[in-house]
Amino acid sequence: DNLELVPRDLGWSRSRIARRLEELLELTQIPAALLARYPVQLSGGQRQRVALMRALMLDPEVLLMDEPLAALDPMIRSGLQRELRQVFERLRKTVVFVTHDMTEAAYVAGEIALMRAGRILQRGTLDDLMLRPADPFVTEFIRAQRPLDAAGRRGD
């Protein structure tokens, strides 16, 4: 019902809604049986997949995803990163994927834009940002992403 609400309010026919749901089930590779469950019966990853379907239901030109994986445990997060990358490749649409995790950004996106205070400081691949930072904040942000060594220091 949740996925059908907005299209139904916009006057979509039942058959059009059913066709779109089938397309999205195929795109996201979600078993149809999940859609019959209540949100509390779904895992965090399953809820994120259904949320993606809801966002795609009206076939938007641009998709904005604000920290969609932030609250998930690392194993589920890793699997969803792979799934999202595949979905994005099949969608062939602009997806603005907001994250503070550069590794996630590099894995999910073809291009990264690093922003601060609403301004794009640099845009490019992860290598571009790491090897040719265009701003001191970019340098500091990249440095903060590096893992700690055994003594608690950032690797360089």
Protein backbone atom coordinates (compact mmCIF):
# COMPACT_ATOMS: atom_id res chain seq x y z
CA ASP A 1 0.00 0.00 0.00
CA ASN A 2 2.78 2.42 0.91
CA LEU A 3 4.34 2.21 -2.55
CA GLU A 4 0.99 2.70 -4.27
CA LEU A 5 -0.21 5.69 -2.25
CA VAL A 6 1.23 8.61 -4.27
CA PRO A 7 0.58 7.11 -7.72
CA ARG A 8 -2.98 6.33 -6.67
CA ASP A 9 -3.44 9.92 -5.41
CA LEU A 10 -2.13 11.13 -8.78
CA GLY A 11 -4.79 9.11 -10.58
CA TRP A 12 -2.68 6.23 -11.87
CA SER A 13 -4.70 3.17 -12.88
CA ARG A 14 -4.27 -0.10 -10.99
CA SER A 15 -2.65 -1.67 -14.04
CA ARG A 16 -0.13 1.17 -14.39
CA ILE A 17 0.77 0.89 -10.70
CA ALA A 18 1.13 -2.90 -11.02
CA ARG A 19 3.39 -2.53 -14.08
CA ARG A 20 5.60 -0.01 -12.29
CA LEU A 21 5.85 -2.24 -9.22
CA GLU A 22 6.91 -5.16 -11.42
CA GLU A 23 9.59 -3.00 -13.08
CA LEU A 24 10.93 -1.90 -9.70
CA LEU A 25 10.89 -5.41 -8.24
CA GLU A 26 12.98 -6.53 -11.20
CA LEU A 27 15.29 -3.51 -10.96
CA THR A 28 15.90 -3.85 -7.22
CA GLN A 29 15.66 -7.66 -7.16
CA ILE A 30 13.38 -7.55 -4.13
CA PRO A 31 11.13 -10.59 -3.64
CA ALA A 32 7.49 -9.53 -4.08
CA ALA A 33 6.61 -11.27 -0.79
CA LEU A 34 8.49 -8.55 1.12
CA LEU A 35 5.96 -5.97 0.01
CA ALA A 36 3.21 -7.72 1.98
CA ARG A 37 5.11 -7.31 5.26
CA TYR A 38 4.84 -4.48 7.75
CA PRO A 39 7.95 -2.27 8.11
CA VAL A 40 8.67 -3.67 11.59
CA GLN A 41 8.91 -7.13 10.01
CA LEU A 42 11.68 -6.02 7.64
CA SER A 43 15.41 -5.86 8.33
CA GLY A 44 17.19 -2.52 8.00
CA GLY A 45 18.51 -3.50 4.58
CA GLN A 46 15.08 -4.61 3.39
CA ARG A 47 13.58 -1.31 4.58
CA GLN A 48 16.21 0.57 2.58
CA ARG A 49 15.40 -1.44 -0.55
CA VAL A 50 11.68 -0.70 -0.17
CA ALA A 51 12.49 2.99 0.45
CA LEU A 52 14.45 2.99 -2.82
CA MET A 53 11.43 1.52 -4.62
CA ARG A 54 9.21 4.20 -3.09
CA ALA A 55 11.60 6.93 -4.27
CA LEU A 56 11.67 5.47 -7.79
CA MET A 57 7.93 4.82 -8.08
CA LEU A 58 7.21 8.03 -10.02
CA ASP A 59 10.37 7.62 -12.16
CA PRO A 60 12.08 10.87 -11.12
CA GLU A 61 14.72 12.43 -13.38
CA VAL A 62 17.07 12.92 -10.42
CA LEU A 63 17.23 10.80 -7.29
CA LEU A 64 18.51 12.30 -4.01
CA MET A 65 19.68 9.81 -1.39
CA ASP A 66 20.79 11.41 1.88
CA GLU A 67 22.98 9.04 3.92
CA PRO A 68 20.86 6.00 2.97
CA LEU A 69 23.27 3.46 4.47
CA ALA A 70 24.46 5.35 7.55
CA ALA A 71 22.38 3.44 10.13
CA LEU A 72 23.17 -0.06 8.83
CA ASP A 73 25.71 -2.50 10.21
CA PRO A 74 28.89 -2.90 8.11
CA MET A 75 28.00 -6.28 6.57
CA ILE A 76 24.55 -5.16 5.37
CA ARG A 77 26.01 -1.82 4.30
CA SER A 78 28.63 -3.50 2.13
CA GLY A 79 26.05 -5.68 0.39
CA LEU A 80 23.73 -2.73 -0.21
CA GLN A 81 26.60 -0.68 -1.67
CA ARG A 82 27.04 -3.38 -4.33
CA GLU A 83 23.29 -3.55 -4.96
CA LEU A 84 22.94 0.22 -5.21
CA ARG A 85 25.82 0.46 -7.67
CA GLN A 86 24.12 -2.14 -9.89
CA VAL A 87 20.75 -0.38 -9.61
CA PHE A 88 22.34 2.99 -10.46
CA GLU A 89 24.03 1.48 -13.53
CA ARG A 90 20.71 0.05 -14.73
CA LEU A 91 18.78 3.26 -13.97
CA ARG A 92 20.95 5.52 -16.13
CA LYS A 93 19.79 8.54 -14.15
CA THR A 94 21.47 11.21 -12.11
CA VAL A 95 21.72 10.09 -8.49
CA VAL A 96 22.90 12.51 -5.80
CA PHE A 97 24.21 10.19 -3.09
CA VAL A 98 25.07 12.07 0.11
CA THR A 99 27.62 10.37 2.36
CA HIS A 100 30.49 11.32 4.65
CA ASP A 101 32.29 8.06 3.83
CA MET A 102 34.74 8.52 0.94
CA THR A 103 35.16 4.77 0.45
CA GLU A 104 31.41 4.40 0.07
CA ALA A 105 31.28 7.39 -2.29
CA ALA A 106 34.06 5.95 -4.44
CA TYR A 107 32.39 2.54 -4.60
CA VAL A 108 28.86 3.72 -5.32
CA ALA A 109 29.54 6.76 -7.54
CA GLY A 110 31.31 7.42 -10.80
CA GLU A 111 32.14 10.96 -9.71
CA ILE A 112 32.53 12.52 -6.27
CA ALA A 113 31.74 16.13 -5.37
CA LEU A 114 33.13 17.22 -2.02
CA MET A 115 31.03 20.02 -0.52
CA ARG A 116 31.34 22.37 2.41
CA ALA A 117 28.74 24.92 3.51
CA GLY A 118 26.71 24.33 0.36
CA ARG A 119 29.65 24.92 -2.01
CA ILE A 120 31.34 22.31 -4.18
CA LEU A 121 35.03 22.48 -3.36
CA GLN A 122 36.17 19.78 -5.76
CA ARG A 123 34.66 17.27 -8.15
CA GLY A 124 36.28 14.20 -9.67
CA THR A 125 37.31 10.64 -8.93
CA LEU A 126 38.63 9.55 -5.55
CA ASP A 127 42.14 9.58 -7.04
CA ASP A 128 41.63 13.18 -8.20
CA LEU A 129 40.62 14.26 -4.72
CA MET A 130 43.37 12.30 -2.97
CA LEU A 131 46.24 13.12 -5.32
CA ARG A 132 45.30 16.66 -6.35
CA PRO A 133 43.23 18.26 -3.58
CA ALA A 134 41.95 21.66 -4.71
CA ASP A 135 41.41 23.10 -1.23
CA PRO A 136 42.89 22.68 2.27
CA PHE A 137 39.53 21.35 3.51
CA VAL A 138 39.65 18.60 0.86
CA THR A 139 43.10 17.60 2.14
CA GLU A 140 41.88 17.49 5.76
CA PHE A 141 38.71 15.60 4.85
CA ILE A 142 40.69 12.96 2.94
CA ARG A 143 43.23 12.67 5.77
CA ALA A 144 40.43 12.16 8.31
CA GLN A 145 39.13 9.22 6.24
CA ARG A 146 42.37 7.26 6.58
CA PRO A 147 42.28 4.44 9.13
CA LEU A 148 44.13 4.62 12.44
CA ASP A 149 47.24 2.53 12.98
CA ALA A 150 47.84 0.44 16.13
CA ALA A 151 49.07 3.55 18.00
CA GLY A 152 45.94 5.51 17.11
CA ARG A 153 47.62 7.67 14.44
CA ARG A 154 46.27 8.33 10.94
CA GLY A 155 48.29 6.65 8.18
CA ASP A 156 49.89 8.88 5.53
